[in-house]
């Protein structure tokens, strides 16, 4: 259920910066990997999901840092990318 919700949220991020798109794409992948690991009982998939969670978390930290720094200085200092859809 959360994987589907996050996928729909990812679609809406296509009008936002690439960093936010990456956070939601990696979160969508994370939720689906966790669901697959839970339903199949495959611990390898669950471990891969754990690494994906680390990637997702680090990208979210980067995005938060970029938002604060860029907003503070009124210009893009930390790059976040352009939207795919205008």
PDB file of N, CA and C in Angstrom:
ATOM      1  N   UNK A   1       0.816  -1.181   0.000  1.00  0.00           N
ATOM      2  CA  UNK A   1       0.000   0.000   0.000  1.00  0.00           C
ATOM      3  C   UNK A   1       0.870   1.259   0.000  1.00  0.00           C
ATOM      4  N   UNK A   2       1.900   1.297   0.855  1.00  0.00           N
ATOM      5  CA  UNK A   2       2.762   2.484   0.906  1.00  0.00           C
ATOM      6  C   UNK A   2       3.594   2.618  -0.358  1.00  0.00           C
ATOM      7  N   UNK A   3       3.940   1.498  -0.969  1.00  0.00           N
ATOM      8  CA  UNK A   3       4.672   1.558  -2.230  1.00  0.00           C
ATOM      9  C   UNK A   3       3.855   2.207  -3.330  1.00  0.00           C
ATOM     10  N   UNK A   4       2.572   1.894  -3.372  1.00  0.00           N
ATOM     11  CA  UNK A   4       1.689   2.498  -4.370  1.00  0.00           C
ATOM     12  C   UNK A   4       1.495   3.986  -4.096  1.00  0.00           C
ATOM     13  N   UNK A   5       1.264   4.337  -2.836  1.00  0.00           N
ATOM     14  CA  UNK A   5       1.101   5.746  -2.466  1.00  0.00           C
ATOM     15  C   UNK A   5       2.352   6.549  -2.817  1.00  0.00           C
ATOM     16  N   UNK A   6       3.520   5.999  -2.500  1.00  0.00           N
ATOM     17  CA  UNK A   6       4.768   6.704  -2.773  1.00  0.00           C
ATOM     18  C   UNK A   6       5.017   6.820  -4.272  1.00  0.00           C
ATOM     19  N   UNK A   7       4.614   5.820  -5.035  1.00  0.00           N
ATOM     20  CA  UNK A   7       4.729   5.897  -6.491  1.00  0.00           C
ATOM     21  C   UNK A   7       3.889   7.054  -7.033  1.00  0.00           C
ATOM     22  N   UNK A   8       2.676   7.200  -6.525  1.00  0.00           N
ATOM     23  CA  UNK A   8       1.830   8.314  -6.956  1.00  0.00           C
ATOM     24  C   UNK A   8       2.433   9.655  -6.538  1.00  0.00           C
ATOM     25  N   UNK A   9       3.024   9.708  -5.359  1.00  0.00           N
ATOM     26  CA  UNK A   9       3.694  10.931  -4.916  1.00  0.00           C
ATOM     27  C   UNK A   9       4.908  11.221  -5.801  1.00  0.00           C
ATOM     28  N   UNK A  10       5.632  10.169  -6.206  1.00  0.00           N
ATOM     29  CA  UNK A  10       6.783  10.351  -7.090  1.00  0.00           C
ATOM     30  C   UNK A  10       6.360  11.009  -8.399  1.00  0.00           C
ATOM     31  N   UNK A  11       5.232  10.587  -8.940  1.00  0.00           N
ATOM     32  CA  UNK A  11       4.753  11.171 -10.198  1.00  0.00           C
ATOM     33  C   UNK A  11       4.563  12.677 -10.048  1.00  0.00           C
ATOM     34  N   UNK A  12       4.069  13.104  -8.902  1.00  0.00           N
ATOM     35  CA  UNK A  12       3.880  14.549  -8.696  1.00  0.00           C
ATOM     36  C   UNK A  12       5.204  15.289  -8.533  1.00  0.00           C
ATOM     37  N   UNK A  13       6.274  14.589  -8.167  1.00  0.00           N
ATOM     38  CA  UNK A  13       7.569  15.260  -8.014  1.00  0.00           C
ATOM     39  C   UNK A  13       8.228  15.567  -9.351  1.00  0.00           C
ATOM     40  N   UNK A  14       7.678  15.070 -10.442  1.00  0.00           N
ATOM     41  CA  UNK A  14       8.285  15.322 -11.746  1.00  0.00           C
ATOM     42  C   UNK A  14       8.279  16.805 -12.104  1.00  0.00           C
ATOM     43  N   UNK A  15       7.464  17.586 -11.423  1.00  0.00           N
ATOM     44  CA  UNK A  15       7.450  19.041 -11.630  1.00  0.00           C
ATOM     45  C   UNK A  15       8.335  19.756 -10.610  1.00  0.00           C
ATOM     46  N   UNK A  16       9.083  18.982  -9.826  1.00  0.00           N
ATOM     47  CA  UNK A  16       9.988  19.545  -8.824  1.00  0.00           C
ATOM     48  C   UNK A  16      11.427  19.153  -9.168  1.00  0.00           C
ATOM     49  N   UNK A  17      12.360  19.532  -8.328  1.00  0.00           N
ATOM     50  CA  UNK A  17      13.776  19.306  -8.634  1.00  0.00           C
ATOM     51  C   UNK A  17      14.145  17.819  -8.636  1.00  0.00           C
ATOM     52  N   UNK A  18      15.276  17.516  -9.287  1.00  0.00           N
ATOM     53  CA  UNK A  18      15.741  16.137  -9.421  1.00  0.00           C
ATOM     54  C   UNK A  18      16.057  15.478  -8.088  1.00  0.00           C
ATOM     55  N   UNK A  19      16.531  16.243  -7.123  1.00  0.00           N
ATOM     56  CA  UNK A  19      16.853  15.667  -5.818  1.00  0.00           C
ATOM     57  C   UNK A  19      15.595  15.120  -5.152  1.00  0.00           C
ATOM     58  N   UNK A  20      14.505  15.857  -5.221  1.00  0.00           N
ATOM     59  CA  UNK A  20      13.245  15.386  -4.637  1.00  0.00           C
ATOM     60  C   UNK A  20      12.724  14.174  -5.405  1.00  0.00           C
ATOM     61  N   UNK A  21      12.898  14.181  -6.711  1.00  0.00           N
ATOM     62  CA  UNK A  21      12.501  13.028  -7.520  1.00  0.00           C
ATOM     63  C   UNK A  21      13.276  11.789  -7.090  1.00  0.00           C
ATOM     64  N   UNK A  22      14.572  11.956  -6.856  1.00  0.00           N
ATOM     65  CA  UNK A  22      15.401  10.822  -6.446  1.00  0.00           C
ATOM     66  C   UNK A  22      14.969  10.285  -5.091  1.00  0.00           C
ATOM     67  N   UNK A  23      14.662  11.180  -4.151  1.00  0.00           N
ATOM     68  CA  UNK A  23      14.218  10.748  -2.822  1.00  0.00           C
ATOM     69  C   UNK A  23      12.953   9.899  -2.948  1.00  0.00           C
ATOM     70  N   UNK A  24      11.975  10.374  -3.703  1.00  0.00           N
ATOM     71  CA  UNK A  24      10.722   9.630  -3.816  1.00  0.00           C
ATOM     72  C   UNK A  24      10.875   8.366  -4.651  1.00  0.00           C
ATOM     73  N   UNK A  25      11.721   8.392  -5.673  1.00  0.00           N
ATOM     74  CA  UNK A  25      11.964   7.175  -6.456  1.00  0.00           C
ATOM     75  C   UNK A  25      12.628   6.113  -5.592  1.00  0.00           C
ATOM     76  N   UNK A  26      13.637   6.505  -4.823  1.00  0.00           N
ATOM     77  CA  UNK A  26      14.315   5.530  -3.969  1.00  0.00           C
ATOM     78  C   UNK A  26      13.406   5.049  -2.838  1.00  0.00           C
ATOM     79  N   UNK A  27      12.527   5.919  -2.337  1.00  0.00           N
ATOM     80  CA  UNK A  27      11.581   5.507  -1.303  1.00  0.00           C
ATOM     81  C   UNK A  27      10.557   4.519  -1.867  1.00  0.00           C
ATOM     82  N   UNK A  28      10.118   4.755  -3.102  1.00  0.00           N
ATOM     83  CA  UNK A  28       9.196   3.821  -3.754  1.00  0.00           C
ATOM     84  C   UNK A  28       9.843   2.454  -3.901  1.00  0.00           C
ATOM     85  N   UNK A  29      11.082   2.437  -4.382  1.00  0.00           N
ATOM     86  CA  UNK A  29      11.815   1.175  -4.530  1.00  0.00           C
ATOM     87  C   UNK A  29      11.978   0.501  -3.176  1.00  0.00           C
ATOM     88  N   UNK A  30      12.306   1.280  -2.156  1.00  0.00           N
ATOM     89  CA  UNK A  30      12.480   0.734  -0.807  1.00  0.00           C
ATOM     90  C   UNK A  30      11.213   0.037  -0.327  1.00  0.00           C
ATOM     91  N   UNK A  31      10.072   0.699  -0.440  1.00  0.00           N
ATOM     92  CA  UNK A  31       8.819   0.104   0.032  1.00  0.00           C
ATOM     93  C   UNK A  31       8.479  -1.179  -0.720  1.00  0.00           C
ATOM     94  N   UNK A  32       8.702  -1.185  -2.042  1.00  0.00           N
ATOM     95  CA  UNK A  32       8.406  -2.390  -2.807  1.00  0.00           C
ATOM     96  C   UNK A  32       9.363  -3.523  -2.451  1.00  0.00           C
ATOM     97  N   UNK A  33      10.638  -3.204  -2.241  1.00  0.00           N
ATOM     98  CA  UNK A  33      11.586  -4.245  -1.828  1.00  0.00           C
ATOM     99  C   UNK A  33      11.223  -4.816  -0.465  1.00  0.00           C
ATOM    100  N   UNK A  34      10.830  -3.949   0.465  1.00  0.00           N
ATOM    101  CA  UNK A  34      10.420  -4.429   1.789  1.00  0.00           C
ATOM    102  C   UNK A  34       9.191  -5.330   1.690  1.00  0.00           C
ATOM    103  N   UNK A  35       8.240  -4.950   0.853  1.00  0.00           N
ATOM    104  CA  UNK A  35       7.035  -5.770   0.684  1.00  0.00           C
ATOM    105  C   UNK A  35       7.372  -7.122   0.062  1.00  0.00           C
ATOM    106  N   UNK A  36       8.213  -7.107  -0.965  1.00  0.00           N
ATOM    107  CA  UNK A  36       8.610  -8.360  -1.615  1.00  0.00           C
ATOM    108  C   UNK A  36       9.357  -9.248  -0.632  1.00  0.00           C
ATOM    109  N   UNK A  37      10.274  -8.662   0.124  1.00  0.00           N
ATOM    110  CA  UNK A  37      11.018  -9.432   1.113  1.00  0.00           C
ATOM    111  C   UNK A  37      10.118 -10.031   2.176  1.00  0.00           C
ATOM    112  N   UNK A  38       9.120  -9.285   2.608  1.00  0.00           N
ATOM    113  CA  UNK A  38       8.188  -9.767   3.631  1.00  0.00           C
ATOM    114  C   UNK A  38       7.298 -10.889   3.097  1.00  0.00           C
ATOM    115  N   UNK A  39       6.755 -10.707   1.894  1.00  0.00           N
ATOM    116  CA  UNK A  39       5.830 -11.703   1.347  1.00  0.00           C
ATOM    117  C   UNK A  39       6.529 -12.990   0.917  1.00  0.00           C
ATOM    118  N   UNK A  40       7.775 -12.871   0.444  1.00  0.00           N
ATOM    119  CA  UNK A  40       8.487 -14.070  -0.008  1.00  0.00           C
ATOM    120  C   UNK A  40       9.321 -14.701   1.091  1.00  0.00           C
ATOM    121  N   UNK A  41       9.606 -13.951   2.139  1.00  0.00           N
ATOM    122  CA  UNK A  41      10.476 -14.462   3.191  1.00  0.00           C
ATOM    123  C   UNK A  41      11.940 -14.484   2.787  1.00  0.00           C
ATOM    124  N   UNK A  42      12.267 -13.813   1.704  1.00  0.00           N
ATOM    125  CA  UNK A  42      13.628 -13.778   1.180  1.00  0.00           C
ATOM    126  C   UNK A  42      14.436 -12.718   1.931  1.00  0.00           C
ATOM    127  N   UNK A  43      15.370 -13.170   2.756  1.00  0.00           N
ATOM    128  CA  UNK A  43      16.157 -12.226   3.553  1.00  0.00           C
ATOM    129  C   UNK A  43      17.133 -11.424   2.699  1.00  0.00           C
ATOM    130  N   UNK A  44      17.543 -11.959   1.561  1.00  0.00           N
ATOM    131  CA  UNK A  44      18.446 -11.216   0.677  1.00  0.00           C
ATOM    132  C   UNK A  44      17.763  -9.953   0.164  1.00  0.00           C
ATOM    133  N   UNK A  45      16.504 -10.067  -0.200  1.00  0.00           N
ATOM    134  CA  UNK A  45      15.758  -8.897  -0.670  1.00  0.00           C
ATOM    135  C   UNK A  45      15.616  -7.881   0.460  1.00  0.00           C
ATOM    136  N   UNK A  46      15.405  -8.368   1.670  1.00  0.00           N
ATOM    137  CA  UNK A  46      15.283  -7.470   2.819  1.00  0.00           C
ATOM    138  C   UNK A  46      16.598  -6.744   3.097  1.00  0.00           C
ATOM    139  N   UNK A  47      17.716  -7.435   2.939  1.00  0.00           N
ATOM    140  CA  UNK A  47      19.024  -6.794   3.120  1.00  0.00           C
ATOM    141  C   UNK A  47      19.245  -5.739   2.040  1.00  0.00           C
ATOM    142  N   UNK A  48      18.895  -6.054   0.807  1.00  0.00           N
ATOM    143  CA  UNK A  48      19.002  -5.076  -0.280  1.00  0.00           C
ATOM    144  C   UNK A  48      18.127  -3.866   0.027  1.00  0.00           C
ATOM    145  N   UNK A  49      16.941  -4.119   0.569  1.00  0.00           N
ATOM    146  CA  UNK A  49      16.050  -3.021   0.965  1.00  0.00           C
ATOM    147  C   UNK A  49      16.708  -2.156   2.034  1.00  0.00           C
ATOM    148  N   UNK A  50      17.440  -2.766   2.929  1.00  0.00           N
ATOM    149  CA  UNK A  50      18.153  -1.996   3.953  1.00  0.00           C
ATOM    150  C   UNK A  50      19.173  -1.049   3.345  1.00  0.00           C
ATOM    151  N   UNK A  51      19.930  -1.538   2.388  1.00  0.00           N
ATOM    152  CA  UNK A  51      20.894  -0.668   1.705  1.00  0.00           C
ATOM    153  C   UNK A  51      20.185   0.433   0.917  1.00  0.00           C
ATOM    154  N   UNK A  52      19.070   0.085   0.310  1.00  0.00           N
ATOM    155  CA  UNK A  52      18.271   1.082  -0.405  1.00  0.00           C
ATOM    156  C   UNK A  52      17.759   2.143   0.562  1.00  0.00           C
ATOM    157  N   UNK A  53      17.401   1.716   1.765  1.00  0.00           N
ATOM    158  CA  UNK A  53      16.960   2.667   2.787  1.00  0.00           C
ATOM    159  C   UNK A  53      18.057   3.640   3.180  1.00  0.00           C
ATOM    160  N   UNK A  54      19.280   3.150   3.243  1.00  0.00           N
ATOM    161  CA  UNK A  54      20.413   4.030   3.544  1.00  0.00           C
ATOM    162  C   UNK A  54      20.590   5.054   2.424  1.00  0.00           C
ATOM    163  N   UNK A  55      20.511   4.605   1.180  1.00  0.00           N
ATOM    164  CA  UNK A  55      20.623   5.514   0.033  1.00  0.00           C
ATOM    165  C   UNK A  55      19.510   6.555   0.073  1.00  0.00           C
ATOM    166  N   UNK A  56      18.299   6.104   0.347  1.00  0.00           N
ATOM    167  CA  UNK A  56      17.152   7.013   0.421  1.00  0.00           C
ATOM    168  C   UNK A  56      17.347   8.036   1.536  1.00  0.00           C
ATOM    169  N   UNK A  57      17.773   7.575   2.696  1.00  0.00           N
ATOM    170  CA  UNK A  57      17.984   8.483   3.826  1.00  0.00           C
ATOM    171  C   UNK A  57      19.069   9.506   3.562  1.00  0.00           C
ATOM    172  N   UNK A  58      20.177   9.068   2.982  1.00  0.00           N
ATOM    173  CA  UNK A  58      21.262  10.001   2.673  1.00  0.00           C
ATOM    174  C   UNK A  58      20.832  11.031   1.632  1.00  0.00           C
ATOM    175  N   UNK A  59      20.046  10.587   0.651  1.00  0.00           N
ATOM    176  CA  UNK A  59      19.574  11.546  -0.354  1.00  0.00           C
ATOM    177  C   UNK A  59      18.584  12.538   0.253  1.00  0.00           C
ATOM    178  N   UNK A  60      17.785  12.098   1.208  1.00  0.00           N
ATOM    179  CA  UNK A  60      16.856  13.010   1.886  1.00  0.00           C
ATOM    180  C   UNK A  60      17.614  14.020   2.742  1.00  0.00           C
ATOM    181  N   UNK A  61      18.692  13.582   3.384  1.00  0.00           N
ATOM    182  CA  UNK A  61      19.530  14.505   4.161  1.00  0.00           C
ATOM    183  C   UNK A  61      20.162  15.542   3.237  1.00  0.00           C
ATOM    184  N   UNK A  62      20.664  15.096   2.086  1.00  0.00           N
ATOM    185  CA  UNK A  62      21.245  16.019   1.108  1.00  0.00           C
ATOM    186  C   UNK A  62      20.216  17.053   0.665  1.00  0.00           C
ATOM    187  N   UNK A  63      19.001  16.593   0.352  1.00  0.00           N
ATOM    188  CA  UNK A  63      17.950  17.502  -0.098  1.00  0.00           C
ATOM    189  C   UNK A  63      17.594  18.507   0.989  1.00  0.00           C
ATOM    190  N   UNK A  64      17.489  18.053   2.225  1.00  0.00           N
ATOM    191  CA  UNK A  64      17.166  18.967   3.325  1.00  0.00           C
ATOM    192  C   UNK A  64      18.267  20.005   3.503  1.00  0.00           C
ATOM    193  N   UNK A  65      19.529  19.556   3.456  1.00  0.00           N
ATOM    194  CA  UNK A  65      20.659  20.474   3.576  1.00  0.00           C
ATOM    195  C   UNK A  65      20.652  21.486   2.432  1.00  0.00           C
ATOM    196  N   UNK A  66      20.402  21.001   1.218  1.00  0.00           N
ATOM    197  CA  UNK A  66      20.375  21.887   0.053  1.00  0.00           C
ATOM    198  C   UNK A  66      19.258  22.915   0.172  1.00  0.00           C
ATOM    199  N   UNK A  67      18.093  22.486   0.609  1.00  0.00           N
ATOM    200  CA  UNK A  67      16.974  23.423   0.759  1.00  0.00           C
ATOM    201  C   UNK A  67      17.292  24.519   1.764  1.00  0.00           C
ATOM    202  N   UNK A  68      17.863  24.142   2.897  1.00  0.00           N
ATOM    203  CA  UNK A  68      18.183  25.138   3.929  1.00  0.00           C
ATOM    204  C   UNK A  68      19.258  26.101   3.438  1.00  0.00           C
ATOM    205  N   UNK A  69      20.332  25.572   2.878  1.00  0.00           N
ATOM    206  CA  UNK A  69      21.435  26.423   2.418  1.00  0.00           C
ATOM    207  C   UNK A  69      20.989  27.323   1.268  1.00  0.00           C
ATOM    208  N   UNK A  70      20.304  26.754   0.289  1.00  0.00           N
ATOM    209  CA  UNK A  70      19.870  27.552  -0.861  1.00  0.00           C
ATOM    210  C   UNK A  70      18.863  28.618  -0.459  1.00  0.00           C
ATOM    211  N   UNK A  71      17.971  28.304   0.447  1.00  0.00           N
ATOM    212  CA  UNK A  71      16.994  29.291   0.914  1.00  0.00           C
ATOM    213  C   UNK A  71      17.673  30.384   1.736  1.00  0.00           C
ATOM    214  N   UNK A  72      18.652  30.006   2.535  1.00  0.00           N
ATOM    215  CA  UNK A  72      19.365  30.980   3.363  1.00  0.00           C
ATOM    216  C   UNK A  72      20.106  32.002   2.513  1.00  0.00           C
ATOM    217  N   UNK A  73      20.759  31.537   1.461  1.00  0.00           N
ATOM    218  CA  UNK A  73      21.558  32.429   0.625  1.00  0.00           C
ATOM    219  C   UNK A  73      20.799  32.994  -0.574  1.00  0.00           C
ATOM    220  N   UNK A  74      19.564  32.554  -0.784  1.00  0.00           N
ATOM    221  CA  UNK A  74      18.739  33.109  -1.849  1.00  0.00           C
ATOM    222  C   UNK A  74      19.166  32.733  -3.254  1.00  0.00           C
ATOM    223  N   UNK A  75      20.001  31.738  -3.381  1.00  0.00           N
ATOM    224  CA  UNK A  75      20.430  31.255  -4.699  1.00  0.00           C
ATOM    225  C   UNK A  75      20.847  29.796  -4.562  1.00  0.00           C
ATOM    226  N   UNK A  76      21.054  29.143  -5.694  1.00  0.00           N
ATOM    227  CA  UNK A  76      21.423  27.729  -5.643  1.00  0.00           C
ATOM    228  C   UNK A  76      22.924  27.574  -5.412  1.00  0.00           C
ATOM    229  N   UNK A  77      23.285  27.196  -4.207  1.00  0.00           N
ATOM    230  CA  UNK A  77      24.672  26.895  -3.863  1.00  0.00           C
ATOM    231  C   UNK A  77      24.886  25.385  -3.938  1.00  0.00           C
ATOM    232  N   UNK A  78      23.962  24.643  -3.359  1.00  0.00           N
ATOM    233  CA  UNK A  78      23.997  23.181  -3.414  1.00  0.00           C
ATOM    234  C   UNK A  78      23.032  22.753  -4.524  1.00  0.00           C
ATOM    235  N   UNK A  79      23.542  22.111  -5.582  1.00  0.00           N
ATOM    236  CA  UNK A  79      22.683  21.796  -6.726  1.00  0.00           C
ATOM    237  C   UNK A  79      21.623  20.739  -6.397  1.00  0.00           C
ATOM    238  N   UNK A  80      20.413  20.976  -6.896  1.00  0.00           N
ATOM    239  CA  UNK A  80      19.321  20.022  -6.713  1.00  0.00           C
ATOM    240  C   UNK A  80      18.711  19.588  -8.043  1.00  0.00           C
ATOM    241  N   UNK A  81      19.127  20.184  -9.140  1.00  0.00           N
ATOM    242  CA  UNK A  81      18.638  19.799 -10.459  1.00  0.00           C
ATOM    243  C   UNK A  81      17.357  20.502 -10.843  1.00  0.00           C
ATOM    244  N   UNK A  82      17.028  20.391 -12.100  1.00  0.00           N
ATOM    245  CA  UNK A  82      15.841  21.038 -12.661  1.00  0.00           C
ATOM    246  C   UNK A  82      14.698  20.026 -12.771  1.00  0.00           C
ATOM    247  N   UNK A  83      13.461  20.495 -12.803  1.00  0.00           N
ATOM    248  CA  UNK A  83      12.317  19.587 -12.977  1.00  0.00           C
ATOM    249  C   UNK A  83      12.343  18.911 -14.350  1.00  0.00           C
ATOM    250  N   UNK A  84      11.828  17.697 -14.432  1.00  0.00           N
ATOM    251  CA  UNK A  84      11.718  17.018 -15.722  1.00  0.00           C
ATOM    252  C   UNK A  84      10.563  17.572 -16.535  1.00  0.00           C
ATOM    253  N   UNK A  85       9.512  18.014 -15.850  1.00  0.00           N
ATOM    254  CA  UNK A  85       8.331  18.576 -16.506  1.00  0.00           C
ATOM    255  C   UNK A  85       8.172  20.012 -16.044  1.00  0.00           C
ATOM    256  N   UNK A  86       7.953  20.915 -16.983  1.00  0.00           N
ATOM    257  CA  UNK A  86       7.794  22.325 -16.595  1.00  0.00           C
ATOM    258  C   UNK A  86       6.358  22.696 -16.413  1.00  0.00           C
TER     259      UNK A  86
END
